Amino acid sequence: MITLAYRLTLQSVEQCQSWLTATEWQYCQALSRNRQLEFSNGRALVRQLLSQNPAQAIVDIAIDLPSDKAPALLLQGKPIQLSISHSGTAIAVAVSEQPIGLDIEQTKLRDFTALAQQFPALANATTLQQFYQHWTGCEAYSKCTGLTIWQVLQQPLPEDISLYYLPLSNYMLCLCYQDTSLPIQNLGELR
């Protein structure tokens, strides 16, 4: 199963503090204000999502500190796939036992035709909504596979992946996964 949740308005760092470990809180204090918001909201939302299961204790959730790669998640000592994305004032998280990738993008008016002409993965985007679907699909696929976004943009996305799109108010969210039999549990917006 893939479990997904999002928040369209970030909480304050102080509102997130109770969801952070002491080490995470200390790490957070050294970040810029914008990065503090992203970091604390990402960690808080992951723990909120996982705490929806009444049998899950917060102390059993370990997320490593940032490095040059995506954060690793351990649930009761077992590795779980984690994908976090943020854009504008929104953040989204997804967890699964199978590889996943997640992207959320704030939709803004833009001239996307040059990008669509330049990159094969965006070539069929003829409307702004299609552009954001293609773009978030590429970002999510990049996170799912570990390929760089530039590698992904160089060719159309493979047909053997699953893309779950969720248009939200001023945002486009895309979840990428390879096991088509996995059910998606969308918890929606968690406050």
Protein backbone atom coordinates (compact mmCIF):
# COMPACT_ATOMS: atom_id res chain seq x y z
CA MET A 1 0.00 0.00 0.00
CA ILE A 2 1.02 3.59 -0.65
CA THR A 3 -0.12 6.16 1.90
CA LEU A 4 -0.24 9.80 0.84
CA ALA A 5 -1.02 13.06 2.65
CA TYR A 6 -0.50 16.72 1.98
CA ARG A 7 -0.88 20.17 3.49
CA LEU A 8 -1.57 23.22 1.31
CA THR A 9 -0.60 25.72 4.01
CA LEU A 10 2.58 25.20 5.99
CA GLN A 11 2.37 25.27 9.77
CA SER A 12 4.77 27.38 11.79
CA VAL A 13 8.00 25.79 12.95
CA GLU A 14 6.71 26.01 16.51
CA GLN A 15 3.51 24.14 15.58
CA CYS A 16 5.66 21.33 14.17
CA GLN A 17 8.05 21.11 17.14
CA SER A 18 6.10 18.42 19.02
CA TRP A 19 6.46 16.10 16.00
CA LEU A 20 10.26 16.51 15.83
CA THR A 21 12.93 14.67 17.79
CA ALA A 22 15.33 16.73 19.91
CA THR A 23 18.06 16.16 17.32
CA GLU A 24 15.78 17.28 14.47
CA TRP A 25 14.73 20.38 16.44
CA GLN A 26 18.36 21.30 17.07
CA TYR A 27 19.22 20.73 13.40
CA CYS A 28 16.21 22.81 12.34
CA GLN A 29 17.32 25.80 14.42
CA ALA A 30 20.50 26.15 12.32
CA LEU A 31 18.58 26.43 9.02
CA SER A 32 17.33 29.53 7.21
CA ARG A 33 13.73 30.44 8.02
CA ASN A 34 12.38 29.08 4.71
CA ARG A 35 14.32 25.83 5.07
CA GLN A 36 13.13 25.53 8.71
CA LEU A 37 9.52 25.61 7.49
CA GLU A 38 10.13 22.97 4.81
CA PHE A 39 12.13 20.69 7.11
CA SER A 40 9.84 20.86 10.13
CA ASN A 41 6.64 20.53 8.09
CA GLY A 42 8.02 17.55 6.17
CA ARG A 43 8.99 15.68 9.34
CA ALA A 44 5.75 16.59 11.10
CA LEU A 45 3.60 15.50 8.16
CA VAL A 46 5.40 12.14 7.84
CA ARG A 47 4.80 11.44 11.52
CA GLN A 48 1.19 12.63 11.34
CA LEU A 49 0.57 10.36 8.36
CA LEU A 50 2.12 7.35 10.09
CA SER A 51 0.33 8.07 13.38
CA GLN A 52 -3.03 7.60 11.63
CA ASN A 53 -2.44 3.92 12.44
CA PRO A 54 -3.33 3.71 16.17
CA ALA A 55 -0.83 0.88 16.68
CA GLN A 56 2.04 3.08 15.48
CA ALA A 57 4.04 4.85 18.20
CA ILE A 58 5.83 8.07 17.27
CA VAL A 59 9.03 6.78 18.90
CA ASP A 60 9.10 3.93 16.35
CA ILE A 61 9.51 6.41 13.46
CA ALA A 62 13.10 7.35 12.58
CA ILE A 63 13.97 9.69 9.71
CA ASP A 64 17.63 10.39 9.01
CA LEU A 65 18.89 13.94 8.77
CA PRO A 66 19.36 15.53 5.35
CA SER A 67 22.32 14.65 3.25
CA ASP A 68 22.93 14.70 -0.47
CA LYS A 69 20.17 12.10 -0.93
CA ALA A 70 16.51 11.72 -0.01
CA PRO A 71 15.81 11.05 3.68
CA ALA A 72 15.61 7.41 4.75
CA LEU A 73 12.72 6.27 6.93
CA LEU A 74 12.79 3.43 9.44
CA LEU A 75 9.51 2.22 10.92
CA GLN A 76 10.08 -0.05 13.93
CA GLY A 77 13.59 -0.58 12.56
CA LYS A 78 12.35 -1.63 9.09
CA PRO A 79 13.26 0.51 6.02
CA ILE A 80 10.21 2.12 4.37
CA GLN A 81 10.21 4.15 1.15
CA LEU A 82 9.61 7.85 1.74
CA SER A 83 9.07 10.69 -0.70
CA ILE A 84 8.61 14.33 0.36
CA SER A 85 7.89 17.28 -1.93
CA HIS A 86 7.21 20.95 -1.29
CA SER A 87 6.32 23.93 -3.44
CA GLY A 88 5.04 27.36 -2.49
CA THR A 89 3.12 26.90 0.77
CA ALA A 90 2.34 23.22 0.15
CA ILE A 91 3.98 20.00 1.22
CA ALA A 92 3.18 16.39 0.38
CA VAL A 93 4.49 13.07 1.69
CA ALA A 94 4.08 9.44 0.66
CA VAL A 95 5.27 6.19 2.22
CA SER A 96 5.30 2.63 0.92
CA GLU A 97 7.23 -0.61 1.11
CA GLN A 98 7.81 -0.32 -2.68
CA PRO A 99 9.75 2.40 -4.56
CA ILE A 100 7.76 5.62 -4.95
CA GLY A 101 8.32 9.19 -6.05
CA LEU A 102 6.18 12.22 -5.29
CA ASP A 103 6.10 15.76 -6.62
CA ILE A 104 3.87 18.73 -5.91
CA GLU A 105 4.15 21.93 -7.92
CA GLN A 106 2.43 25.26 -7.54
CA THR A 107 0.67 25.98 -10.82
CA LYS A 108 1.51 29.39 -12.21
CA LEU A 109 0.95 30.96 -15.57
CA ARG A 110 4.03 30.43 -17.68
CA ASP A 111 5.10 30.04 -21.26
CA PHE A 112 5.72 26.30 -21.25
CA THR A 113 5.89 25.84 -25.03
CA ALA A 114 9.67 26.31 -25.20
CA LEU A 115 10.19 23.64 -22.55
CA ALA A 116 7.73 21.33 -24.28
CA GLN A 117 9.66 21.74 -27.54
CA GLN A 118 13.05 21.27 -25.88
CA PHE A 119 12.39 18.07 -23.89
CA PRO A 120 10.82 14.87 -25.26
CA ALA A 121 9.19 14.05 -21.91
CA LEU A 122 7.17 17.29 -22.14
CA ALA A 123 6.47 17.17 -25.89
CA ASN A 124 2.76 16.31 -25.71
CA ALA A 125 1.89 19.12 -23.28
CA THR A 126 -0.38 21.53 -25.14
CA THR A 127 -2.13 23.14 -22.16
CA LEU A 128 -0.85 24.47 -18.85
CA GLN A 129 -2.54 21.62 -16.96
CA GLN A 130 -0.94 19.04 -19.26
CA PHE A 131 2.44 20.73 -18.77
CA TYR A 132 2.14 20.44 -14.98
CA GLN A 133 1.01 16.82 -15.27
CA HIS A 134 4.01 16.02 -17.46
CA TRP A 135 6.41 18.02 -15.28
CA THR A 136 5.25 16.52 -11.96
CA GLY A 137 5.25 13.08 -13.59
CA CYS A 138 8.90 13.57 -14.60
CA GLU A 139 9.89 14.85 -11.15
CA ALA A 140 8.07 11.97 -9.42
CA TYR A 141 9.62 9.41 -11.79
CA SER A 142 13.06 10.91 -11.12
CA LYS A 143 12.57 10.45 -7.37
CA CYS A 144 11.18 6.94 -7.81
CA THR A 145 14.11 5.73 -9.93
CA GLY A 146 17.01 7.87 -8.72
CA LEU A 147 17.60 9.27 -12.22
CA THR A 148 18.31 12.99 -12.48
CA ILE A 149 15.50 15.19 -13.75
CA TRP A 150 17.62 16.00 -16.81
CA GLN A 151 17.96 12.30 -17.66
CA VAL A 152 14.20 11.86 -17.31
CA LEU A 153 13.35 14.85 -19.51
CA GLN A 154 15.42 13.48 -22.42
CA GLN A 155 12.83 10.84 -23.40
CA PRO A 156 9.12 10.14 -22.93
CA LEU A 157 8.26 8.50 -19.63
CA PRO A 158 8.11 4.69 -19.82
CA GLU A 159 4.71 3.10 -20.23
CA ASP A 160 5.24 0.49 -17.51
CA ILE A 161 4.96 2.95 -14.59
CA SER A 162 1.88 4.21 -12.80
CA LEU A 163 1.23 7.91 -12.32
CA TYR A 164 -1.45 9.08 -9.89
CA TYR A 165 -2.38 12.74 -10.44
CA LEU A 166 -4.20 14.87 -7.92
CA PRO A 167 -5.07 18.41 -9.04
CA LEU A 168 -5.39 20.62 -5.97
CA SER A 169 -6.20 24.29 -5.54
CA ASN A 170 -3.29 26.03 -7.35
CA TYR A 171 -1.17 22.84 -7.21
CA MET A 172 -0.61 19.65 -9.17
CA LEU A 173 0.48 16.55 -7.28
CA CYS A 174 1.84 13.39 -8.90
CA LEU A 175 2.74 10.07 -7.32
CA CYS A 176 4.86 7.62 -9.34
CA TYR A 177 5.12 3.92 -8.56
CA GLN A 178 5.94 0.79 -10.50
CA ASP A 179 3.81 -1.91 -8.84
CA THR A 180 0.38 -1.34 -10.42
CA SER A 181 -1.28 -3.65 -7.87
CA LEU A 182 -0.50 -1.30 -4.97
CA PRO A 183 -3.58 0.42 -3.55
CA ILE A 184 -3.27 4.13 -2.73
CA GLN A 185 -4.57 5.41 0.58
CA ASN A 186 -5.00 9.16 0.13
CA LEU A 187 -5.46 10.66 3.58
CA GLY A 188 -5.96 14.06 1.98
CA GLU A 189 -5.05 17.27 3.74
CA LEU A 190 -3.84 16.76 7.30
CA ARG A 191 -3.97 19.74 9.62
